[in-house]
N, C-alpha and C. Protein backbone atom coordinates (compact mmCIF):
# COMPACT_ATOMS: atom_id res chain seq x y z
N MET A 1 -35.66 9.64 8.75
CA MET A 1 -35.98 8.35 8.14
C MET A 1 -37.07 8.58 7.10
N GLN A 2 -36.86 7.97 5.86
CA GLN A 2 -37.90 7.97 5.01
C GLN A 2 -38.41 6.55 4.72
N THR A 3 -39.55 6.60 4.31
CA THR A 3 -40.38 5.26 4.07
C THR A 3 -41.06 5.32 2.67
N ALA A 4 -41.11 4.19 1.98
CA ALA A 4 -41.73 4.08 0.75
C ALA A 4 -42.79 2.96 0.79
N THR A 5 -43.81 3.16 -0.02
CA THR A 5 -45.03 2.35 0.14
C THR A 5 -44.83 1.22 -1.07
N GLY A 6 -43.98 1.37 -1.93
CA GLY A 6 -43.76 0.40 -3.06
C GLY A 6 -42.46 0.44 -3.67
N ALA A 7 -42.21 -0.54 -4.58
CA ALA A 7 -40.82 -0.53 -5.16
C ALA A 7 -40.44 0.57 -5.97
N LYS A 8 -41.56 1.14 -6.84
CA LYS A 8 -41.29 2.28 -7.73
C LYS A 8 -40.76 3.53 -6.82
N GLU A 9 -41.54 3.73 -5.73
CA GLU A 9 -41.20 4.89 -4.85
C GLU A 9 -39.89 4.64 -4.18
N ALA A 10 -39.57 3.38 -3.73
CA ALA A 10 -38.38 3.05 -3.15
C ALA A 10 -37.19 3.37 -4.06
N GLU A 11 -37.33 2.83 -5.31
CA GLU A 11 -36.19 3.15 -6.25
C GLU A 11 -35.92 4.53 -6.44
N ARG A 12 -37.00 5.41 -6.56
CA ARG A 12 -36.74 6.83 -6.79
C ARG A 12 -36.20 7.50 -5.51
N MET A 13 -36.53 7.10 -4.35
CA MET A 13 -36.03 7.58 -3.13
C MET A 13 -34.64 7.24 -2.96
N ILE A 14 -34.24 6.13 -3.22
CA ILE A 14 -32.85 5.63 -3.12
C ILE A 14 -31.87 6.38 -3.97
N GLN A 15 -32.39 6.52 -5.36
CA GLN A 15 -31.55 7.42 -6.24
C GLN A 15 -31.56 8.85 -5.78
N ASP A 16 -32.65 9.37 -5.42
CA ASP A 16 -32.64 10.81 -4.94
C ASP A 16 -31.84 11.14 -3.59
N LEU A 17 -31.96 10.25 -2.70
CA LEU A 17 -31.53 10.55 -1.26
C LEU A 17 -30.11 9.94 -0.98
N ALA A 18 -29.76 8.82 -1.69
CA ALA A 18 -28.42 8.26 -1.64
C ALA A 18 -28.39 7.77 -0.08
N PRO A 19 -29.12 6.98 0.42
CA PRO A 19 -29.01 6.62 1.75
C PRO A 19 -27.92 5.77 2.08
N ASP A 20 -27.49 5.77 3.45
CA ASP A 20 -26.41 4.83 3.96
C ASP A 20 -26.87 3.53 4.26
N VAL A 21 -28.27 3.38 4.66
CA VAL A 21 -28.86 2.12 5.19
C VAL A 21 -30.18 2.05 4.52
N VAL A 22 -30.56 0.95 4.00
CA VAL A 22 -31.86 0.62 3.50
C VAL A 22 -32.52 -0.61 4.15
N PHE A 23 -33.56 -0.47 4.72
CA PHE A 23 -34.38 -1.83 5.23
C PHE A 23 -35.42 -2.08 4.18
N MET A 24 -35.19 -3.10 3.48
CA MET A 24 -36.07 -3.36 2.35
C MET A 24 -36.88 -4.92 2.44
N ASP A 25 -38.15 -4.62 2.30
CA ASP A 25 -39.11 -5.76 2.26
C ASP A 25 -38.89 -6.53 1.08
N ILE A 26 -38.97 -7.82 1.02
CA ILE A 26 -38.77 -8.70 -0.11
C ILE A 26 -40.22 -8.64 -0.99
N HIS A 27 -41.43 -8.57 -0.24
CA HIS A 27 -42.64 -8.53 -0.97
C HIS A 27 -43.10 -7.11 -0.85
N MET A 28 -43.20 -6.50 -2.00
CA MET A 28 -43.59 -5.07 -2.21
C MET A 28 -44.57 -4.94 -3.46
N PRO A 29 -45.35 -4.05 -3.60
CA PRO A 29 -46.24 -3.81 -4.73
C PRO A 29 -45.31 -3.38 -5.89
N HIS A 30 -45.68 -3.87 -7.12
CA HIS A 30 -44.92 -3.58 -8.53
C HIS A 30 -43.81 -4.56 -8.61
N ARG A 31 -42.89 -4.57 -7.70
CA ARG A 31 -41.70 -5.44 -7.83
C ARG A 31 -41.25 -6.07 -6.44
N SER A 32 -40.65 -7.23 -6.35
CA SER A 32 -40.14 -7.64 -5.30
C SER A 32 -38.73 -6.94 -4.89
N GLY A 33 -38.29 -6.87 -3.59
CA GLY A 33 -37.28 -6.40 -3.15
C GLY A 33 -35.94 -6.88 -4.00
N LEU A 34 -36.01 -8.22 -4.35
CA LEU A 34 -35.05 -8.81 -5.02
C LEU A 34 -34.81 -8.28 -6.38
N GLU A 35 -36.00 -8.11 -7.00
CA GLU A 35 -36.07 -7.41 -8.42
C GLU A 35 -35.66 -5.98 -8.33
N LEU A 36 -35.99 -5.27 -7.46
CA LEU A 36 -35.52 -3.98 -7.24
C LEU A 36 -34.02 -3.69 -7.12
N LEU A 37 -33.50 -4.66 -6.38
CA LEU A 37 -32.02 -4.73 -6.20
C LEU A 37 -31.30 -4.82 -7.45
N GLU A 38 -31.94 -5.69 -8.34
CA GLU A 38 -31.22 -5.93 -9.67
C GLU A 38 -31.27 -4.54 -10.49
N ALA A 39 -32.22 -3.73 -10.35
CA ALA A 39 -32.40 -2.49 -11.01
C ALA A 39 -31.41 -1.45 -10.49
N LEU A 40 -30.82 -1.56 -9.37
CA LEU A 40 -30.09 -0.58 -8.87
C LEU A 40 -28.65 -0.69 -9.15
N SER A 41 -28.05 0.27 -9.79
CA SER A 41 -26.55 0.12 -10.11
C SER A 41 -25.77 1.01 -9.09
N ASP A 42 -24.58 0.51 -9.04
CA ASP A 42 -23.52 1.23 -8.03
C ASP A 42 -24.16 1.33 -6.60
N ARG A 43 -24.58 0.34 -6.24
CA ARG A 43 -25.20 0.32 -4.79
C ARG A 43 -24.13 0.66 -3.87
N ASP A 44 -24.47 1.65 -2.95
CA ASP A 44 -23.55 2.19 -1.99
C ASP A 44 -24.28 2.43 -0.64
N PHE A 45 -24.90 1.37 -0.21
CA PHE A 45 -25.72 1.47 1.10
C PHE A 45 -25.72 0.04 1.76
N TYR A 46 -25.91 0.08 3.04
CA TYR A 46 -26.06 -1.12 3.79
C TYR A 46 -27.48 -1.65 3.60
N LEU A 47 -27.64 -2.84 3.16
CA LEU A 47 -28.94 -3.42 2.86
C LEU A 47 -29.31 -4.43 3.92
N VAL A 48 -30.59 -4.25 4.56
CA VAL A 48 -31.16 -5.17 5.47
C VAL A 48 -32.50 -5.58 4.80
N PHE A 49 -32.66 -6.97 4.64
CA PHE A 49 -33.83 -7.43 4.01
C PHE A 49 -34.81 -7.72 5.19
N THR A 50 -36.03 -7.36 5.16
CA THR A 50 -37.11 -7.84 6.08
C THR A 50 -38.11 -8.66 5.42
N THR A 51 -38.58 -9.68 6.02
CA THR A 51 -39.60 -10.61 5.30
C THR A 51 -40.15 -11.60 6.38
N ALA A 52 -41.40 -12.09 6.11
CA ALA A 52 -42.03 -13.07 6.92
C ALA A 52 -41.60 -14.42 6.56
N TYR A 53 -40.87 -14.52 5.41
CA TYR A 53 -40.50 -15.95 4.86
C TYR A 53 -39.02 -16.16 5.01
N ASP A 54 -38.56 -17.15 5.74
CA ASP A 54 -37.09 -17.46 5.86
C ASP A 54 -36.46 -18.21 4.66
N ARG A 55 -37.39 -18.57 3.74
CA ARG A 55 -36.83 -19.18 2.64
C ARG A 55 -36.03 -18.40 1.68
N TYR A 56 -36.10 -17.03 1.90
CA TYR A 56 -35.29 -16.02 1.06
C TYR A 56 -34.13 -15.79 1.69
N ALA A 57 -33.70 -16.33 2.75
CA ALA A 57 -32.44 -16.07 3.39
C ALA A 57 -31.18 -16.24 2.47
N VAL A 58 -31.19 -17.38 1.81
CA VAL A 58 -29.92 -17.59 0.92
C VAL A 58 -29.94 -16.65 -0.15
N GLU A 59 -31.01 -16.25 -0.77
CA GLU A 59 -31.04 -15.32 -1.74
C GLU A 59 -30.55 -14.00 -1.45
N ALA A 60 -30.97 -13.67 -0.10
CA ALA A 60 -30.51 -12.43 0.26
C ALA A 60 -29.06 -12.36 0.58
N LEU A 61 -28.41 -13.37 1.02
CA LEU A 61 -27.01 -13.48 1.18
C LEU A 61 -26.35 -13.35 -0.14
N ARG A 62 -26.94 -14.06 -1.24
CA ARG A 62 -26.31 -13.97 -2.60
C ARG A 62 -26.44 -12.47 -3.07
N LYS A 63 -27.38 -11.58 -2.63
CA LYS A 63 -27.37 -10.26 -3.04
C LYS A 63 -26.64 -9.39 -2.15
N GLN A 64 -25.71 -10.13 -1.27
CA GLN A 64 -24.77 -9.32 -0.42
C GLN A 64 -25.67 -8.33 0.52
N ALA A 65 -26.61 -8.87 1.04
CA ALA A 65 -27.32 -8.15 2.07
C ALA A 65 -26.53 -8.06 3.30
N PHE A 66 -26.46 -7.03 4.10
CA PHE A 66 -25.78 -6.87 5.39
C PHE A 66 -26.46 -7.77 6.48
N ASP A 67 -27.78 -7.74 6.50
CA ASP A 67 -28.55 -8.58 7.45
C ASP A 67 -29.89 -9.07 6.90
N TYR A 68 -30.43 -9.80 7.67
CA TYR A 68 -31.87 -10.39 7.25
C TYR A 68 -32.62 -10.50 8.52
N LEU A 69 -33.72 -9.76 8.59
CA LEU A 69 -34.63 -9.82 9.81
C LEU A 69 -36.07 -10.34 9.39
N LEU A 70 -36.45 -11.28 10.22
CA LEU A 70 -37.64 -11.98 10.04
C LEU A 70 -38.81 -11.15 10.58
N LYS A 71 -39.85 -11.04 9.97
CA LYS A 71 -41.01 -10.37 10.56
C LYS A 71 -41.98 -11.56 11.49
N PRO A 72 -42.63 -11.12 12.54
CA PRO A 72 -42.56 -9.72 13.04
C PRO A 72 -41.13 -9.56 13.63
N ILE A 73 -40.68 -8.32 13.40
CA ILE A 73 -39.23 -8.02 13.81
C ILE A 73 -39.01 -8.01 15.33
N ASN A 74 -38.17 -8.79 15.79
CA ASN A 74 -37.88 -8.72 17.22
C ASN A 74 -37.03 -7.57 17.49
N ARG A 75 -37.41 -6.89 18.69
CA ARG A 75 -36.59 -5.63 19.08
C ARG A 75 -35.18 -5.80 19.30
N ASP A 76 -34.79 -6.94 19.92
CA ASP A 76 -33.36 -7.28 20.20
C ASP A 76 -32.64 -7.44 18.98
N ASP A 77 -33.34 -8.22 17.95
CA ASP A 77 -32.53 -8.46 16.71
C ASP A 77 -32.40 -7.14 15.93
N LEU A 78 -33.30 -6.24 16.02
CA LEU A 78 -33.06 -5.02 15.31
C LEU A 78 -32.01 -4.15 15.95
N GLN A 79 -31.95 -4.06 17.34
CA GLN A 79 -31.00 -3.31 17.93
C GLN A 79 -29.56 -3.96 17.72
N ALA A 80 -29.57 -5.33 17.66
CA ALA A 80 -28.26 -5.88 17.37
C ALA A 80 -27.84 -5.70 15.98
N CYS A 81 -28.75 -5.58 15.06
CA CYS A 81 -28.50 -5.25 13.65
C CYS A 81 -27.90 -3.76 13.52
N THR A 82 -28.55 -2.86 14.21
CA THR A 82 -28.22 -1.57 14.19
C THR A 82 -26.80 -1.31 14.74
N ARG A 83 -26.52 -1.91 15.77
CA ARG A 83 -25.10 -1.89 16.34
C ARG A 83 -24.18 -2.25 15.33
N ARG A 84 -24.41 -3.43 14.73
CA ARG A 84 -23.29 -3.94 13.79
C ARG A 84 -23.16 -2.97 12.61
N ILE A 85 -24.29 -2.37 12.16
CA ILE A 85 -24.17 -1.39 11.11
C ILE A 85 -23.33 -0.20 11.49
N LEU A 86 -23.59 0.28 12.75
CA LEU A 86 -22.89 1.54 13.25
C LEU A 86 -21.38 1.22 13.40
N LEU A 87 -21.18 -0.03 13.85
CA LEU A 87 -19.73 -0.36 13.93
C LEU A 87 -19.03 -0.31 12.61
N GLN A 88 -19.67 -0.87 11.56
CA GLN A 88 -19.17 -0.75 10.18
C GLN A 88 -19.03 0.44 9.72
N PHE A 89 -20.26 1.38 9.88
CA PHE A 89 -20.19 2.56 9.38
C PHE A 89 -19.25 3.59 9.86
N TYR A 90 -18.87 3.45 11.20
CA TYR A 90 -17.84 4.27 11.79
C TYR A 90 -16.39 3.87 11.44
N HIS A 91 -16.04 2.63 11.20
CA HIS A 91 -14.73 2.25 11.11
C HIS A 91 -14.34 1.66 9.67
N HIS A 92 -15.25 1.19 8.94
CA HIS A 92 -14.81 0.60 7.78
C HIS A 92 -15.23 1.25 6.41
N ARG A 93 -16.04 2.19 6.39
CA ARG A 93 -16.40 2.89 5.11
C ARG A 93 -15.26 3.80 4.75
N ALA A 94 -14.88 4.02 3.55
CA ALA A 94 -13.89 4.85 2.96
C ALA A 94 -14.44 6.32 3.14
N PRO A 95 -13.37 7.21 3.12
CA PRO A 95 -13.75 8.62 3.26
C PRO A 95 -14.60 8.95 2.00
N GLY A 96 -15.65 9.77 2.29
CA GLY A 96 -16.55 10.28 1.42
C GLY A 96 -17.61 9.26 1.23
N LYS A 97 -17.62 8.06 1.88
CA LYS A 97 -18.62 7.03 1.85
C LYS A 97 -19.36 6.98 3.19
N GLY A 98 -19.37 8.05 3.90
CA GLY A 98 -20.19 7.93 5.10
C GLY A 98 -19.39 7.63 6.42
N SER A 99 -18.06 7.66 6.28
CA SER A 99 -17.21 7.37 7.49
C SER A 99 -16.97 8.59 8.19
N LEU A 100 -16.69 8.44 9.46
CA LEU A 100 -16.34 9.58 10.37
C LEU A 100 -14.92 9.80 10.41
N SER A 101 -14.47 11.04 10.50
CA SER A 101 -13.05 11.39 10.57
C SER A 101 -12.56 10.80 11.97
N PRO A 102 -11.19 10.59 11.97
CA PRO A 102 -10.57 10.14 13.14
C PRO A 102 -10.88 11.11 14.34
N ALA A 103 -11.13 12.36 14.11
CA ALA A 103 -11.25 13.31 15.33
C ALA A 103 -12.57 13.25 15.77
N THR A 104 -13.58 12.72 15.15
CA THR A 104 -14.93 12.71 15.65
C THR A 104 -15.38 11.29 15.94
N ARG A 105 -14.59 10.20 15.64
CA ARG A 105 -15.11 8.88 15.95
C ARG A 105 -15.14 8.60 17.50
N ARG A 106 -16.03 7.78 17.94
CA ARG A 106 -16.02 7.47 19.27
C ARG A 106 -16.01 5.88 19.54
N LEU A 107 -15.50 5.56 20.68
CA LEU A 107 -15.25 4.20 21.07
C LEU A 107 -16.37 3.97 22.28
N GLU A 108 -17.16 2.93 22.01
CA GLU A 108 -18.16 2.63 23.19
C GLU A 108 -17.56 1.58 24.14
N ILE A 109 -17.64 1.97 25.43
CA ILE A 109 -17.03 1.00 26.42
C ILE A 109 -18.14 0.86 27.52
N LEU A 110 -18.46 -0.40 27.82
CA LEU A 110 -19.43 -0.67 28.86
C LEU A 110 -18.73 -1.06 30.08
N THR A 111 -19.09 -0.36 31.35
CA THR A 111 -18.52 -0.70 32.54
C THR A 111 -19.52 -0.69 33.66
N SER A 112 -19.83 -1.86 34.33
CA SER A 112 -20.84 -1.94 35.43
C SER A 112 -22.12 -1.27 35.07
N GLY A 113 -22.59 -1.79 33.84
CA GLY A 113 -23.82 -1.15 33.41
C GLY A 113 -23.85 0.18 32.94
N LYS A 114 -22.68 0.95 32.89
CA LYS A 114 -22.60 2.28 32.29
C LYS A 114 -21.98 2.39 31.05
N ARG A 115 -22.52 3.00 30.11
CA ARG A 115 -21.89 3.15 28.73
C ARG A 115 -21.11 4.47 28.61
N HIS A 116 -19.85 4.28 28.19
CA HIS A 116 -19.04 5.49 27.99
C HIS A 116 -18.78 5.59 26.40
N PHE A 117 -19.02 6.85 25.97
CA PHE A 117 -18.66 7.06 24.51
C PHE A 117 -17.50 7.98 24.49
N VAL A 118 -16.38 7.45 24.15
CA VAL A 118 -15.11 8.22 24.24
C VAL A 118 -14.57 8.59 22.76
N ARG A 119 -14.22 9.82 22.54
CA ARG A 119 -13.74 10.26 21.30
C ARG A 119 -12.38 9.61 21.16
N HIS A 120 -11.93 9.20 19.88
CA HIS A 120 -10.66 8.57 19.78
C HIS A 120 -9.60 9.51 20.05
N LYS A 121 -9.69 10.92 19.66
CA LYS A 121 -8.65 11.86 19.93
C LYS A 121 -8.46 12.14 21.37
N ASP A 122 -9.38 11.70 22.17
CA ASP A 122 -9.27 11.92 23.66
C ASP A 122 -8.51 10.71 24.39
N ILE A 123 -8.15 9.65 23.56
CA ILE A 123 -7.55 8.49 24.27
C ILE A 123 -6.06 8.72 24.07
N VAL A 124 -5.34 8.79 25.19
CA VAL A 124 -3.92 9.06 25.17
C VAL A 124 -3.33 7.66 25.01
N HIS A 125 -3.63 6.76 25.85
CA HIS A 125 -3.07 5.37 25.71
C HIS A 125 -3.92 4.24 26.35
N VAL A 126 -3.79 3.15 26.09
CA VAL A 126 -4.48 2.01 26.66
C VAL A 126 -3.60 1.06 27.17
N GLU A 127 -3.63 0.58 28.48
CA GLU A 127 -2.68 -0.45 28.91
C GLU A 127 -3.33 -1.62 29.53
N ALA A 128 -2.58 -2.72 29.47
CA ALA A 128 -3.10 -4.07 30.01
C ALA A 128 -2.15 -4.42 31.02
N GLU A 129 -2.19 -3.96 32.18
CA GLU A 129 -1.27 -4.44 33.24
C GLU A 129 -2.19 -4.64 34.45
N GLY A 130 -2.50 -5.82 34.78
CA GLY A 130 -3.48 -6.26 35.80
C GLY A 130 -4.94 -6.14 35.25
N SER A 131 -5.27 -4.90 35.08
CA SER A 131 -6.64 -4.55 34.38
C SER A 131 -6.42 -3.93 33.06
N TYR A 132 -7.51 -3.81 32.24
CA TYR A 132 -7.38 -3.03 31.07
C TYR A 132 -7.79 -1.75 31.28
N THR A 133 -7.04 -0.58 31.04
CA THR A 133 -7.31 0.67 31.46
C THR A 133 -7.13 1.70 30.26
N LEU A 134 -8.22 2.47 30.09
CA LEU A 134 -8.17 3.55 29.08
C LEU A 134 -7.70 4.93 29.77
N HIS A 135 -6.62 5.49 29.29
CA HIS A 135 -6.14 6.71 29.77
C HIS A 135 -6.61 7.89 28.90
N LEU A 136 -7.42 8.82 29.55
CA LEU A 136 -7.82 9.91 28.65
C LEU A 136 -7.00 11.17 28.77
N ALA A 137 -7.24 12.22 27.91
CA ALA A 137 -6.55 13.38 27.94
C ALA A 137 -6.81 14.16 29.06
N ASN A 138 -7.96 14.10 29.67
CA ASN A 138 -8.31 14.91 30.84
C ASN A 138 -7.96 14.37 32.12
N GLY A 139 -7.19 13.14 32.11
CA GLY A 139 -6.66 12.55 33.28
C GLY A 139 -7.64 11.51 33.78
N ARG A 140 -8.79 11.32 33.30
CA ARG A 140 -9.68 10.21 33.67
C ARG A 140 -9.16 8.89 33.14
N ARG A 141 -9.57 7.86 34.01
CA ARG A 141 -9.16 6.57 33.61
C ARG A 141 -10.46 5.64 33.55
N ILE A 142 -10.57 4.84 32.67
CA ILE A 142 -11.82 3.93 32.58
C ILE A 142 -11.20 2.50 32.42
N THR A 143 -11.64 1.70 33.47
CA THR A 143 -11.24 0.30 33.51
C THR A 143 -12.25 -0.48 32.78
N MET A 144 -11.87 -1.30 31.91
CA MET A 144 -12.80 -2.20 31.18
C MET A 144 -12.42 -3.65 31.05
N SER A 145 -13.36 -4.34 30.58
CA SER A 145 -13.24 -5.84 30.52
C SER A 145 -12.68 -6.30 29.07
N LYS A 146 -12.65 -5.41 28.23
CA LYS A 146 -12.31 -5.79 26.89
C LYS A 146 -10.70 -5.80 26.89
N ASN A 147 -10.13 -6.95 26.18
CA ASN A 147 -8.79 -6.99 26.10
C ASN A 147 -8.23 -6.02 25.15
N LEU A 148 -6.89 -5.83 25.08
CA LEU A 148 -6.19 -5.00 24.33
C LEU A 148 -6.37 -5.04 22.88
N LYS A 149 -6.32 -6.31 22.41
CA LYS A 149 -6.40 -6.67 21.12
C LYS A 149 -7.85 -6.31 20.58
N ARG A 150 -8.85 -6.46 21.39
CA ARG A 150 -10.18 -6.17 20.93
C ARG A 150 -10.46 -4.60 20.84
N VAL A 151 -9.76 -3.89 21.87
CA VAL A 151 -9.89 -2.48 21.70
C VAL A 151 -9.17 -1.91 20.39
N GLU A 152 -7.97 -2.55 20.12
CA GLU A 152 -7.27 -2.12 18.88
C GLU A 152 -8.18 -2.45 17.74
N GLU A 153 -8.85 -3.56 17.68
CA GLU A 153 -9.75 -3.80 16.52
C GLU A 153 -10.96 -2.93 16.50
N MET A 154 -11.47 -2.45 17.58
CA MET A 154 -12.54 -1.56 17.72
C MET A 154 -12.12 -0.11 17.22
N LEU A 155 -10.93 0.30 17.56
CA LEU A 155 -10.42 1.65 17.11
C LEU A 155 -10.27 1.57 15.67
N ASN A 156 -9.53 0.53 15.25
CA ASN A 156 -9.20 0.37 13.82
C ASN A 156 -8.78 1.77 13.15
N ASN A 157 -7.82 2.39 13.74
CA ASN A 157 -7.60 3.83 13.51
C ASN A 157 -6.02 3.96 13.38
N GLU A 158 -5.59 4.63 12.24
CA GLU A 158 -4.21 4.74 11.86
C GLU A 158 -3.50 5.67 12.84
N MET A 159 -4.26 6.35 13.78
CA MET A 159 -3.62 7.19 14.63
C MET A 159 -3.12 6.48 15.97
N PHE A 160 -3.38 5.14 16.06
CA PHE A 160 -2.91 4.40 17.16
C PHE A 160 -1.80 3.39 16.85
N PHE A 161 -0.97 3.10 17.69
CA PHE A 161 0.11 2.08 17.45
C PHE A 161 0.33 1.29 18.72
N ARG A 162 0.71 0.08 18.60
CA ARG A 162 1.01 -0.89 19.74
C ARG A 162 2.38 -1.06 19.96
N PRO A 163 3.13 -0.32 20.60
CA PRO A 163 4.52 -0.36 20.78
C PRO A 163 5.04 -1.67 21.66
N HIS A 164 4.03 -2.14 22.32
CA HIS A 164 4.26 -3.28 23.31
C HIS A 164 3.13 -3.95 23.49
N ASN A 165 3.30 -5.31 23.81
CA ASN A 165 2.14 -6.21 23.93
C ASN A 165 0.93 -5.59 25.00
N SER A 166 1.49 -4.98 25.92
CA SER A 166 0.65 -4.46 26.97
C SER A 166 0.04 -2.94 26.81
N HIS A 167 0.54 -2.42 25.68
CA HIS A 167 0.17 -0.92 25.50
C HIS A 167 -0.17 -0.55 24.10
N LEU A 168 -1.08 0.45 24.16
CA LEU A 168 -1.60 0.98 22.74
C LEU A 168 -1.55 2.48 22.95
N VAL A 169 -0.78 3.27 22.08
CA VAL A 169 -0.72 4.62 22.29
C VAL A 169 -1.28 5.50 21.10
N GLN A 170 -1.66 6.65 21.24
CA GLN A 170 -2.09 7.54 20.25
C GLN A 170 -0.84 8.22 19.73
N LEU A 171 -0.41 8.04 18.43
CA LEU A 171 0.84 8.71 17.93
C LEU A 171 0.95 10.16 18.11
N HIS A 172 -0.13 10.94 18.03
CA HIS A 172 -0.09 12.39 18.25
C HIS A 172 0.35 12.62 19.58
N ARG A 173 0.12 11.81 20.67
CA ARG A 173 0.52 12.10 22.04
C ARG A 173 2.02 11.61 22.33
N VAL A 174 2.74 11.12 21.43
CA VAL A 174 4.13 10.79 21.61
C VAL A 174 4.97 11.94 21.63
N GLU A 175 5.65 12.14 22.66
CA GLU A 175 6.61 13.40 22.82
C GLU A 175 8.07 13.01 22.60
N ALA A 176 8.47 11.76 22.89
CA ALA A 176 9.80 11.34 22.72
C ALA A 176 9.88 9.76 22.81
N CYS A 177 10.99 9.27 22.01
CA CYS A 177 11.26 7.74 22.13
C CYS A 177 12.77 7.76 22.62
N ASN A 178 12.76 6.94 23.71
CA ASN A 178 14.15 6.69 24.23
C ASN A 178 14.56 5.27 23.82
N TYR A 179 15.53 5.21 22.90
CA TYR A 179 15.99 3.95 22.50
C TYR A 179 17.08 3.32 23.20
N ARG A 180 17.53 3.87 24.38
CA ARG A 180 18.43 3.33 25.23
C ARG A 180 17.67 2.45 26.21
N ASP A 181 16.72 2.88 26.87
CA ASP A 181 15.81 1.89 27.58
C ASP A 181 14.50 1.42 27.07
N ASN A 182 14.41 1.75 25.74
CA ASN A 182 13.17 1.26 24.98
C ASN A 182 11.98 1.66 25.66
N THR A 183 11.75 2.96 25.69
CA THR A 183 10.45 3.55 26.16
C THR A 183 9.81 4.61 25.35
N VAL A 184 8.51 4.77 25.41
CA VAL A 184 7.94 5.91 24.70
C VAL A 184 7.35 6.87 25.73
N VAL A 185 7.64 8.25 25.75
CA VAL A 185 7.18 9.10 26.61
C VAL A 185 6.06 9.83 25.78
N LEU A 186 5.02 9.95 26.58
CA LEU A 186 3.73 10.74 26.02
C LEU A 186 3.68 12.09 26.75
N ASP A 187 2.83 12.90 26.04
CA ASP A 187 2.80 14.29 26.52
C ASP A 187 2.19 14.49 27.80
N THR A 188 1.64 13.52 28.41
CA THR A 188 1.01 13.51 29.72
C THR A 188 2.05 13.33 30.85
N GLY A 189 3.33 12.82 30.34
CA GLY A 189 4.48 12.49 31.31
C GLY A 189 4.45 10.94 31.52
N ALA A 190 3.49 10.23 30.97
CA ALA A 190 3.53 8.76 31.09
C ALA A 190 4.44 8.14 30.20
N VAL A 191 5.21 7.17 30.84
CA VAL A 191 6.30 6.38 30.21
C VAL A 191 5.82 4.96 29.77
N VAL A 192 5.82 4.55 28.65
CA VAL A 192 5.26 3.40 28.13
C VAL A 192 6.49 2.61 27.58
N PRO A 193 6.54 1.22 27.89
CA PRO A 193 7.61 0.49 27.45
C PRO A 193 7.36 0.11 25.78
N MET A 194 8.53 -0.11 25.18
CA MET A 194 8.53 -0.35 23.76
C MET A 194 9.29 -1.56 23.47
N ALA A 195 8.77 -2.46 22.73
CA ALA A 195 9.48 -3.68 22.38
C ALA A 195 10.45 -3.49 21.38
N VAL A 196 11.61 -4.01 21.47
CA VAL A 196 12.70 -3.76 20.45
C VAL A 196 12.18 -4.09 18.97
N ARG A 197 11.40 -5.08 18.86
CA ARG A 197 11.01 -5.43 17.48
C ARG A 197 10.12 -4.46 16.98
N LYS A 198 9.47 -3.58 17.80
CA LYS A 198 8.53 -2.50 17.32
C LYS A 198 9.16 -1.18 17.08
N ARG A 199 10.42 -1.06 17.26
CA ARG A 199 11.19 0.18 17.15
C ARG A 199 11.11 0.74 15.75
N GLU A 200 11.50 0.02 14.84
CA GLU A 200 11.60 0.48 13.48
C GLU A 200 10.16 0.84 12.82
N ALA A 201 9.13 0.03 13.15
CA ALA A 201 7.75 0.33 12.80
C ALA A 201 7.18 1.65 13.37
N LEU A 202 7.61 1.77 14.64
CA LEU A 202 7.16 3.13 15.24
C LEU A 202 7.94 4.17 14.79
N LYS A 203 9.16 4.16 14.41
CA LYS A 203 9.95 5.25 13.72
C LYS A 203 9.14 5.62 12.46
N GLN A 204 8.81 4.56 11.61
CA GLN A 204 8.24 4.87 10.38
C GLN A 204 6.90 5.54 10.56
N ARG A 205 6.01 5.02 11.51
CA ARG A 205 4.81 5.60 11.65
C ARG A 205 4.95 7.22 12.23
N LEU A 206 5.83 7.45 13.04
CA LEU A 206 6.07 8.72 13.40
C LEU A 206 6.59 9.71 12.37
N SER A 207 7.48 9.14 11.50
CA SER A 207 8.02 9.93 10.37
C SER A 207 6.88 10.23 9.43
N LEU A 208 5.89 9.39 9.33
CA LEU A 208 4.74 9.84 8.46
C LEU A 208 4.13 10.97 8.94
N LEU A 209 4.01 11.10 10.26
CA LEU A 209 3.29 12.26 10.73
C LEU A 209 3.98 13.67 10.69
N MET A 210 5.28 13.40 10.60
CA MET A 210 6.05 14.55 10.47
C MET A 210 6.09 15.13 9.03
N SER A 211 5.82 14.27 8.07
CA SER A 211 5.74 14.69 6.67
C SER A 211 4.22 14.98 6.28
N ALA A 212 3.28 14.76 7.17
CA ALA A 212 1.96 14.94 6.80
C ALA A 212 1.52 16.44 6.84
């Protein structure tokens, strides 16, 4: 982490270092944070304004700041802001703009006070039958409280497909599709139901993998 003591130094560091996240005070020597932002072209970082004055909140939003923290900065507010940035950074930035590849992305799951950080590529499928369960490549299972739709949103990954309301599968783990009994067979031997209305979409997604 790098810090600057004034607007001039901050502008130089942003241009030289091309940071992914900038925490910027609104009141700084030489120029305000708002004025500094006007001087920066092609901004490509998450901006969090920090100030002791809440009257700047509206202006910060107009400048498309990611967040706005009031001084003295509350630790819980800072941690919540950081988590939101990480979520955006991992899942929503374009390739070459700080995003992680599907192979290295991780999903954070909290169970009974324990945090699990699971690589996307290690998730074979997720099912919602009774409880919500993550099935991993090493045979482990993680039961979680998050519903399937929420997990799908958190993954936000083209490697996963939902062939049925109760199941989410990793496409690379699909070994066969049985169109007679509408099931998907995974390379672990697991058999997952497939909704008739999802058959064509699944065919298309799998065909894209074949041509990749």
